[in-house]
Amino acid sequence: MASQKNMHVPDDLLTAMSDAAQAEGKTPEEWLEHVVRARLDDRKWQDLLAYGRQKGNESGYTEDDVPGVVKEWRREQKDRGR
């Protein structure tokens, strides 16, 4: 169940939001929900990428090492299956 909260939105932003919603055939509330969910999803993705970069840097491997590491991992997986 959704709850209602009041937020201040500057008039120019509210107008732009309403115009964008209308252009997409949505209510301003629907449009805002879509935009906020998309931004939150993007934030999760950016956090995951940052985590991956951090772990990659900690591993000591370079980008040039990746094909060889993947090839070796695949070979190990194949050997385990035998």
C-alpha atoms as a PDB file:
ATOM      1  CA  MET A   1       0.000   0.000   0.000  1.00  0.00           C
ATOM      2  CA  ALA A   2       1.362   3.399  -0.957  1.00  0.00           C
ATOM      3  CA  SER A   3       1.627   6.176   1.561  1.00  0.00           C
ATOM      4  CA  GLN A   4       1.259   9.833   0.816  1.00  0.00           C
ATOM      5  CA  LYS A   5       3.970  12.337   1.677  1.00  0.00           C
ATOM      6  CA  ASN A   6       4.176  15.970   0.749  1.00  0.00           C
ATOM      7  CA  MET A   7       7.283  17.211  -0.988  1.00  0.00           C
ATOM      8  CA  HIS A   8       8.229  20.615  -2.306  1.00  0.00           C
ATOM      9  CA  VAL A   9       8.921  20.672  -6.036  1.00  0.00           C
ATOM     10  CA  PRO A  10       9.974  23.952  -7.660  1.00  0.00           C
ATOM     11  CA  ASP A  11       7.362  25.262 -10.094  1.00  0.00           C
ATOM     12  CA  ASP A  12       9.621  24.982 -13.142  1.00  0.00           C
ATOM     13  CA  LEU A  13      10.428  21.360 -12.340  1.00  0.00           C
ATOM     14  CA  LEU A  14       6.779  20.540 -11.691  1.00  0.00           C
ATOM     15  CA  THR A  15       5.820  22.032 -15.054  1.00  0.00           C
ATOM     16  CA  ALA A  16       8.548  20.089 -16.856  1.00  0.00           C
ATOM     17  CA  MET A  17       7.511  16.893 -15.065  1.00  0.00           C
ATOM     18  CA  SER A  18       3.856  17.391 -15.978  1.00  0.00           C
ATOM     19  CA  ASP A  19       4.761  18.093 -19.604  1.00  0.00           C
ATOM     20  CA  ALA A  20       6.961  14.985 -19.795  1.00  0.00           C
ATOM     21  CA  ALA A  21       4.251  12.845 -18.206  1.00  0.00           C
ATOM     22  CA  GLN A  22       1.631  14.124 -20.611  1.00  0.00           C
ATOM     23  CA  ALA A  23       3.925  13.467 -23.587  1.00  0.00           C
ATOM     24  CA  GLU A  24       4.253   9.859 -22.433  1.00  0.00           C
ATOM     25  CA  GLY A  25       0.546   9.449 -21.708  1.00  0.00           C
ATOM     26  CA  LYS A  26       1.074   9.114 -17.974  1.00  0.00           C
ATOM     27  CA  THR A  27      -0.054  11.001 -14.927  1.00  0.00           C
ATOM     28  CA  PRO A  28       2.642  13.045 -13.191  1.00  0.00           C
ATOM     29  CA  GLU A  29       2.569  10.532 -10.337  1.00  0.00           C
ATOM     30  CA  GLU A  30       3.084   7.574 -12.703  1.00  0.00           C
ATOM     31  CA  TRP A  31       5.860   9.392 -14.515  1.00  0.00           C
ATOM     32  CA  LEU A  32       7.615  10.319 -11.274  1.00  0.00           C
ATOM     33  CA  GLU A  33       7.382   6.763  -9.949  1.00  0.00           C
ATOM     34  CA  HIS A  34       8.920   5.437 -13.174  1.00  0.00           C
ATOM     35  CA  VAL A  35      11.739   7.989 -13.089  1.00  0.00           C
ATOM     36  CA  VAL A  36      12.544   7.387  -9.416  1.00  0.00           C
ATOM     37  CA  ARG A  37      12.535   3.597  -9.837  1.00  0.00           C
ATOM     38  CA  ALA A  38      14.785   3.884 -12.893  1.00  0.00           C
ATOM     39  CA  ARG A  39      17.193   6.116 -10.978  1.00  0.00           C
ATOM     40  CA  LEU A  40      17.269   3.739  -8.013  1.00  0.00           C
ATOM     41  CA  ASP A  41      17.962   0.806 -10.360  1.00  0.00           C
ATOM     42  CA  ASP A  42      20.759   2.819 -11.981  1.00  0.00           C
ATOM     43  CA  ARG A  43      22.204   3.568  -8.550  1.00  0.00           C
ATOM     44  CA  LYS A  44      22.282  -0.154  -7.710  1.00  0.00           C
ATOM     45  CA  TRP A  45      24.028  -0.852 -11.022  1.00  0.00           C
ATOM     46  CA  GLN A  46      26.592   1.897 -10.406  1.00  0.00           C
ATOM     47  CA  ASP A  47      27.235   0.520  -6.904  1.00  0.00           C
ATOM     48  CA  LEU A  48      27.765  -2.953  -8.368  1.00  0.00           C
ATOM     49  CA  LEU A  49      30.185  -1.605 -10.978  1.00  0.00           C
ATOM     50  CA  ALA A  50      32.125   0.271  -8.293  1.00  0.00           C
ATOM     51  CA  TYR A  51      32.323  -2.913  -6.215  1.00  0.00           C
ATOM     52  CA  GLY A  52      33.581  -4.836  -9.247  1.00  0.00           C
ATOM     53  CA  ARG A  53      36.212  -2.193  -9.993  1.00  0.00           C
ATOM     54  CA  GLN A  54      37.356  -2.250  -6.359  1.00  0.00           C
ATOM     55  CA  LYS A  55      37.636  -6.042  -6.296  1.00  0.00           C
ATOM     56  CA  GLY A  56      39.363  -5.998  -9.663  1.00  0.00           C
ATOM     57  CA  ASN A  57      41.941  -3.513  -8.426  1.00  0.00           C
ATOM     58  CA  GLU A  58      42.480  -5.543  -5.255  1.00  0.00           C
ATOM     59  CA  SER A  59      43.046  -8.717  -7.298  1.00  0.00           C
ATOM     60  CA  GLY A  60      46.153  -7.328  -8.931  1.00  0.00           C
ATOM     61  CA  TYR A  61      44.986  -8.423 -12.382  1.00  0.00           C
ATOM     62  CA  THR A  62      44.936  -5.985 -15.274  1.00  0.00           C
ATOM     63  CA  GLU A  63      42.340  -5.762 -18.019  1.00  0.00           C
ATOM     64  CA  ASP A  64      44.806  -7.475 -20.343  1.00  0.00           C
ATOM     65  CA  ASP A  65      44.902 -10.457 -17.949  1.00  0.00           C
ATOM     66  CA  VAL A  66      41.145 -11.087 -18.157  1.00  0.00           C
ATOM     67  CA  PRO A  67      41.005 -13.272 -21.319  1.00  0.00           C
ATOM     68  CA  GLY A  68      43.673 -15.587 -19.933  1.00  0.00           C
ATOM     69  CA  VAL A  69      42.027 -15.788 -16.516  1.00  0.00           C
ATOM     70  CA  VAL A  70      38.657 -16.611 -18.093  1.00  0.00           C
ATOM     71  CA  LYS A  71      40.233 -19.218 -20.356  1.00  0.00           C
ATOM     72  CA  GLU A  72      41.966 -20.850 -17.387  1.00  0.00           C
ATOM     73  CA  TRP A  73      38.773 -20.830 -15.308  1.00  0.00           C
ATOM     74  CA  ARG A  74      36.822 -22.438 -18.154  1.00  0.00           C
ATOM     75  CA  ARG A  75      39.510 -25.098 -18.556  1.00  0.00           C
ATOM     76  CA  GLU A  76      39.321 -25.855 -14.828  1.00  0.00           C
ATOM     77  CA  GLN A  77      35.548 -26.124 -14.979  1.00  0.00           C
ATOM     78  CA  LYS A  78      35.733 -28.463 -17.948  1.00  0.00           C
ATOM     79  CA  ASP A  79      38.328 -30.634 -16.185  1.00  0.00           C
ATOM     80  CA  ARG A  80      36.114 -30.879 -13.082  1.00  0.00           C
ATOM     81  CA  GLY A  81      33.267 -32.187 -15.238  1.00  0.00           C
ATOM     82  CA  ARG A  82      35.279 -35.119 -16.524  1.00  0.00           C
END
